[in-house]
C-alpha atoms as a PDB file:
ATOM      1  CA  MET A   1       6.594  -6.098 -38.999  1.00  0.00           C
ATOM      2  CA  SER A   2       6.616  -7.959 -35.734  1.00  0.00           C
ATOM      3  CA  GLY A   3       6.436 -11.707 -35.885  1.00  0.00           C
ATOM      4  CA  LEU A   4       8.549 -11.962 -39.012  1.00  0.00           C
ATOM      5  CA  TYR A   5      11.829 -12.742 -37.294  1.00  0.00           C
ATOM      6  CA  ARG A   6      12.861 -15.664 -35.187  1.00  0.00           C
ATOM      7  CA  THR A   7      11.759 -15.681 -31.556  1.00  0.00           C
ATOM      8  CA  ASP A   8      12.832 -19.187 -30.580  1.00  0.00           C
ATOM      9  CA  ASP A   9      15.931 -20.375 -28.744  1.00  0.00           C
ATOM     10  CA  SER A  10      18.363 -19.239 -31.404  1.00  0.00           C
ATOM     11  CA  PRO A  11      21.501 -17.342 -30.446  1.00  0.00           C
ATOM     12  CA  ALA A  12      19.925 -14.241 -31.967  1.00  0.00           C
ATOM     13  CA  SER A  13      17.070 -14.379 -29.457  1.00  0.00           C
ATOM     14  CA  GLY A  14      19.390 -14.201 -26.448  1.00  0.00           C
ATOM     15  CA  ARG A  15      17.743 -17.213 -24.805  1.00  0.00           C
ATOM     16  CA  ALA A  16      19.374 -20.422 -23.706  1.00  0.00           C
ATOM     17  CA  LEU A  17      21.404 -22.097 -26.404  1.00  0.00           C
ATOM     18  CA  GLY A  18      20.935 -25.583 -25.027  1.00  0.00           C
ATOM     19  CA  GLY A  19      23.715 -28.081 -24.565  1.00  0.00           C
ATOM     20  CA  SER A  20      25.987 -27.898 -21.575  1.00  0.00           C
ATOM     21  CA  SER A  21      29.229 -26.335 -20.485  1.00  0.00           C
ATOM     22  CA  ALA A  22      32.359 -28.221 -19.465  1.00  0.00           C
ATOM     23  CA  ASP A  23      31.069 -28.568 -15.878  1.00  0.00           C
ATOM     24  CA  GLY A  24      27.731 -30.043 -17.023  1.00  0.00           C
ATOM     25  CA  ALA A  25      25.699 -26.923 -16.302  1.00  0.00           C
ATOM     26  CA  PRO A  26      23.312 -25.783 -19.033  1.00  0.00           C
ATOM     27  CA  ALA A  27      25.012 -23.400 -21.457  1.00  0.00           C
ATOM     28  CA  THR A  28      23.276 -20.063 -21.786  1.00  0.00           C
ATOM     29  CA  THR A  29      23.865 -16.729 -23.390  1.00  0.00           C
ATOM     30  CA  THR A  30      22.471 -13.338 -22.629  1.00  0.00           C
ATOM     31  CA  ARG A  31      22.269 -10.205 -24.679  1.00  0.00           C
ATOM     32  CA  SER A  32      23.222  -6.827 -23.419  1.00  0.00           C
ATOM     33  CA  PRO A  33      20.946  -3.866 -24.184  1.00  0.00           C
ATOM     34  CA  THR A  34      23.643  -2.656 -26.596  1.00  0.00           C
ATOM     35  CA  THR A  35      23.562  -5.937 -28.541  1.00  0.00           C
ATOM     36  CA  SER A  36      19.775  -5.811 -28.746  1.00  0.00           C
ATOM     37  CA  THR A  37      19.875  -2.219 -29.991  1.00  0.00           C
ATOM     38  CA  SER A  38      22.605  -3.123 -32.446  1.00  0.00           C
ATOM     39  CA  SER A  39      20.559  -6.063 -33.721  1.00  0.00           C
ATOM     40  CA  ARG A  40      17.514  -3.837 -34.266  1.00  0.00           C
ATOM     41  CA  LEU A  41      19.689  -1.292 -36.056  1.00  0.00           C
ATOM     42  CA  ASN A  42      21.162  -4.003 -38.290  1.00  0.00           C
ATOM     43  CA  SER A  43      17.666  -5.241 -39.116  1.00  0.00           C
ATOM     44  CA  LEU A  44      16.581  -1.700 -39.966  1.00  0.00           C
ATOM     45  CA  ILE A  45      19.632  -1.226 -42.208  1.00  0.00           C
ATOM     46  CA  LEU A  46      19.025  -4.527 -44.032  1.00  0.00           C
ATOM     47  CA  ARG A  47      15.347  -3.715 -44.567  1.00  0.00           C
ATOM     48  CA  SER A  48      16.232  -0.207 -45.778  1.00  0.00           C
ATOM     49  CA  GLU A  49      18.699  -1.635 -48.290  1.00  0.00           C
ATOM     50  CA  ALA A  50      16.070  -4.105 -49.481  1.00  0.00           C
ATOM     51  CA  LEU A  51      13.500  -1.325 -49.829  1.00  0.00           C
ATOM     52  CA  ALA A  52      16.007   0.671 -51.900  1.00  0.00           C
ATOM     53  CA  ALA A  53      16.535  -2.359 -54.179  1.00  0.00           C
ATOM     54  CA  PHE A  54      12.751  -2.747 -54.507  1.00  0.00           C
ATOM     55  CA  VAL A  55      12.339   0.890 -55.527  1.00  0.00           C
ATOM     56  CA  GLY A  56      15.383   0.697 -57.812  1.00  0.00           C
ATOM     57  CA  GLY A  57      13.992  -2.361 -59.578  1.00  0.00           C
ATOM     58  CA  ILE A  58      10.674  -0.620 -60.124  1.00  0.00           C
ATOM     59  CA  VAL A  59      12.411   2.497 -61.455  1.00  0.00           C
ATOM     60  CA  VAL A  60      14.446   0.390 -63.909  1.00  0.00           C
ATOM     61  CA  TRP A  61      11.292  -1.531 -64.932  1.00  0.00           C
ATOM     62  CA  LEU A  62       9.313   1.646 -65.633  1.00  0.00           C
ATOM     63  CA  SER A  63      12.155   3.620 -67.239  1.00  0.00           C
ATOM     64  CA  SER A  64      12.998   0.675 -69.522  1.00  0.00           C
ATOM     65  CA  GLY A  65       9.524   0.419 -70.983  1.00  0.00           C
ATOM     66  CA  GLY A  66       7.954  -2.026 -68.552  1.00  0.00           C
ATOM     67  CA  SER A  67       4.192  -1.686 -68.336  1.00  0.00           C
ATOM     68  CA  PRO A  68       2.893  -0.076 -65.140  1.00  0.00           C
ATOM     69  CA  LEU A  69      -0.258  -2.171 -65.610  1.00  0.00           C
ATOM     70  CA  TRP A  70       1.727  -5.434 -65.589  1.00  0.00           C
ATOM     71  CA  LEU A  71       4.104  -4.459 -62.783  1.00  0.00           C
ATOM     72  CA  VAL A  72       2.119  -5.891 -59.854  1.00  0.00           C
ATOM     73  CA  PRO A  73       1.225  -9.217 -61.506  1.00  0.00           C
ATOM     74  CA  ALA A  74       4.780  -9.544 -62.831  1.00  0.00           C
ATOM     75  CA  LEU A  75       6.185  -8.941 -59.324  1.00  0.00           C
ATOM     76  CA  LEU A  76       4.425 -12.101 -58.167  1.00  0.00           C
ATOM     77  CA  VAL A  77       5.799 -14.360 -60.931  1.00  0.00           C
ATOM     78  CA  PRO A  78       9.034 -15.310 -59.065  1.00  0.00           C
ATOM     79  CA  ASP A  79       6.894 -16.868 -56.332  1.00  0.00           C
ATOM     80  CA  ILE A  80       5.965 -19.629 -58.766  1.00  0.00           C
ATOM     81  CA  SER A  81       9.296 -21.084 -57.639  1.00  0.00           C
ATOM     82  CA  MET A  82       7.464 -22.222 -54.486  1.00  0.00           C
ATOM     83  CA  VAL A  83       6.123 -25.108 -56.570  1.00  0.00           C
ATOM     84  CA  GLY A  84       9.266 -27.008 -55.558  1.00  0.00           C
ATOM     85  CA  TYR A  85       7.749 -27.422 -52.099  1.00  0.00           C
ATOM     86  CA  LEU A  86       5.285 -29.884 -53.640  1.00  0.00           C
ATOM     87  CA  ALA A  87       8.216 -32.327 -53.822  1.00  0.00           C
ATOM     88  CA  ASN A  88       9.641 -31.653 -50.342  1.00  0.00           C
ATOM     89  CA  SER A  89      11.214 -28.886 -48.239  1.00  0.00           C
ATOM     90  CA  ARG A  90      14.759 -29.523 -49.466  1.00  0.00           C
ATOM     91  CA  VAL A  91      13.848 -29.308 -53.157  1.00  0.00           C
ATOM     92  CA  GLY A  92      11.493 -26.404 -52.469  1.00  0.00           C
ATOM     93  CA  ALA A  93      14.179 -24.394 -50.677  1.00  0.00           C
ATOM     94  CA  MET A  94      16.708 -25.065 -53.426  1.00  0.00           C
ATOM     95  CA  ILE A  95      14.402 -23.912 -56.241  1.00  0.00           C
ATOM     96  CA  TYR A  96      13.062 -20.966 -54.244  1.00  0.00           C
ATOM     97  CA  ASN A  97      16.586 -19.781 -53.343  1.00  0.00           C
ATOM     98  CA  LEU A  98      17.766 -20.140 -56.927  1.00  0.00           C
ATOM     99  CA  ILE A  99      15.236 -17.482 -57.969  1.00  0.00           C
ATOM    100  CA  HIS A 100      15.123 -15.341 -54.811  1.00  0.00           C
ATOM    101  CA  ASN A 101      18.689 -14.058 -54.581  1.00  0.00           C
ATOM    102  CA  TRP A 102      20.542 -10.856 -55.366  1.00  0.00           C
ATOM    103  CA  THR A 103      23.121 -12.583 -57.557  1.00  0.00           C
ATOM    104  CA  LEU A 104      20.663 -13.862 -60.159  1.00  0.00           C
ATOM    105  CA  ALA A 105      18.755 -10.569 -60.202  1.00  0.00           C
ATOM    106  CA  LEU A 106      21.874  -8.461 -60.718  1.00  0.00           C
ATOM    107  CA  LEU A 107      23.382 -10.897 -63.216  1.00  0.00           C
ATOM    108  CA  VAL A 108      20.250 -10.882 -65.393  1.00  0.00           C
ATOM    109  CA  LEU A 109      19.877  -7.102 -65.030  1.00  0.00           C
ATOM    110  CA  GLY A 110      23.521  -6.465 -65.926  1.00  0.00           C
ATOM    111  CA  LEU A 111      23.525  -8.852 -68.878  1.00  0.00           C
ATOM    112  CA  GLY A 112      20.278  -7.352 -70.156  1.00  0.00           C
ATOM    113  CA  TRP A 113      21.815  -3.882 -70.055  1.00  0.00           C
ATOM    114  CA  TRP A 114      25.183  -4.958 -71.509  1.00  0.00           C
ATOM    115  CA  LEU A 115      23.653  -7.018 -74.335  1.00  0.00           C
ATOM    116  CA  ALA A 116      20.858  -4.464 -74.889  1.00  0.00           C
ATOM    117  CA  VAL A 117      18.180  -7.158 -74.572  1.00  0.00           C
ATOM    118  CA  ASP A 118      15.078  -5.421 -73.247  1.00  0.00           C
ATOM    119  CA  ALA A 119      13.323  -8.588 -72.064  1.00  0.00           C
ATOM    120  CA  MET A 120      16.400  -9.623 -70.070  1.00  0.00           C
ATOM    121  CA  LEU A 121      16.774  -6.138 -68.598  1.00  0.00           C
ATOM    122  CA  LEU A 122      13.111  -6.096 -67.547  1.00  0.00           C
ATOM    123  CA  THR A 123      13.407  -9.590 -66.060  1.00  0.00           C
ATOM    124  CA  GLY A 124      16.436  -8.515 -64.022  1.00  0.00           C
ATOM    125  CA  ALA A 125      14.631  -5.382 -62.839  1.00  0.00           C
ATOM    126  CA  LEU A 126      11.643  -7.484 -61.848  1.00  0.00           C
ATOM    127  CA  LEU A 127      13.792  -9.993 -59.951  1.00  0.00           C
ATOM    128  CA  LEU A 128      15.610  -7.170 -58.181  1.00  0.00           C
ATOM    129  CA  ALA A 129      12.322  -5.551 -57.166  1.00  0.00           C
ATOM    130  CA  HIS A 130      10.836  -8.869 -56.047  1.00  0.00           C
ATOM    131  CA  VAL A 131      13.819  -9.895 -53.909  1.00  0.00           C
ATOM    132  CA  GLY A 132      13.966  -6.378 -52.448  1.00  0.00           C
ATOM    133  CA  MET A 133      10.253  -6.517 -51.625  1.00  0.00           C
ATOM    134  CA  ASP A 134      10.576  -9.914 -49.944  1.00  0.00           C
ATOM    135  CA  ARG A 135      13.632  -8.936 -47.907  1.00  0.00           C
ATOM    136  CA  ALA A 136      12.083  -5.604 -46.872  1.00  0.00           C
ATOM    137  CA  LEU A 137       9.124  -7.590 -45.515  1.00  0.00           C
ATOM    138  CA  GLY A 138      11.470  -9.933 -43.631  1.00  0.00           C
ATOM    139  CA  TYR A 139      11.338 -12.946 -45.947  1.00  0.00           C
ATOM    140  CA  GLY A 140      14.724 -14.436 -46.627  1.00  0.00           C
ATOM    141  CA  LEU A 141      16.357 -17.379 -48.326  1.00  0.00           C
ATOM    142  CA  LYS A 142      14.688 -20.609 -47.282  1.00  0.00           C
ATOM    143  CA  LEU A 143      16.320 -23.287 -45.182  1.00  0.00           C
ATOM    144  CA  PRO A 144      15.664 -26.930 -46.111  1.00  0.00           C
ATOM    145  CA  THR A 145      13.913 -27.638 -42.798  1.00  0.00           C
ATOM    146  CA  ASP A 146      10.612 -25.799 -43.318  1.00  0.00           C
ATOM    147  CA  PHE A 147       9.184 -23.088 -45.565  1.00  0.00           C
ATOM    148  CA  ARG A 148       9.006 -20.719 -42.596  1.00  0.00           C
ATOM    149  CA  ASP A 149      12.709 -21.134 -41.740  1.00  0.00           C
ATOM    150  CA  THR A 150      14.815 -18.470 -43.473  1.00  0.00           C
ATOM    151  CA  HIS A 151      18.306 -17.028 -43.170  1.00  0.00           C
ATOM    152  CA  LEU A 152      16.670 -14.026 -41.480  1.00  0.00           C
ATOM    153  CA  GLY A 153      14.858 -16.171 -38.929  1.00  0.00           C
ATOM    154  CA  ARG A 154      11.526 -17.974 -38.681  1.00  0.00           C
ATOM    155  CA  ILE A 155       8.613 -16.185 -40.322  1.00  0.00           C
ATOM    156  CA  GLY A 156       5.055 -16.257 -39.092  1.00  0.00           C
ATOM    157  CA  HIS A 157       3.739 -17.518 -35.805  1.00  0.00           C
ATOM    158  CA  ASP A 158       3.725 -21.122 -34.634  1.00  0.00           C
ATOM    159  CA  PRO A 159       0.235 -22.437 -33.855  1.00  0.00           C
ATOM    160  CA  ALA A 160      -0.499 -22.343 -30.142  1.00  0.00           C
END
């Protein structure tokens, strides 16, 4: 799990923020051990919630007649939304985020249940499981700057 979250000069890293204070000295911030522990706890809670959504989506998929054989390939289908990155990072992030969010997953799942449309219910369950899987692994909504920049931090390692 290491290496998935931002380790640059972001406020979350506790390193220098850049810029300067009123007296011209470089502005910096430090993190107390409590803040660091709290941040790790928050990350653990968010990943646990995402894992629960992943498992919940799979349970709904299987209990609603979804094929166990097709579950793994179907879980990868939402990643087709990465095709937007062929245009540019801004378009790629917009299309990716449209598919990879809790709102769409829960909306489709709820409508599928309410309207008793099995295909819609299964699609919602699949989206819920996929987003949960991604978030549990540390992948978040994309920022328009680069594919590796997410709302959870930068993923991967920068080349040395």
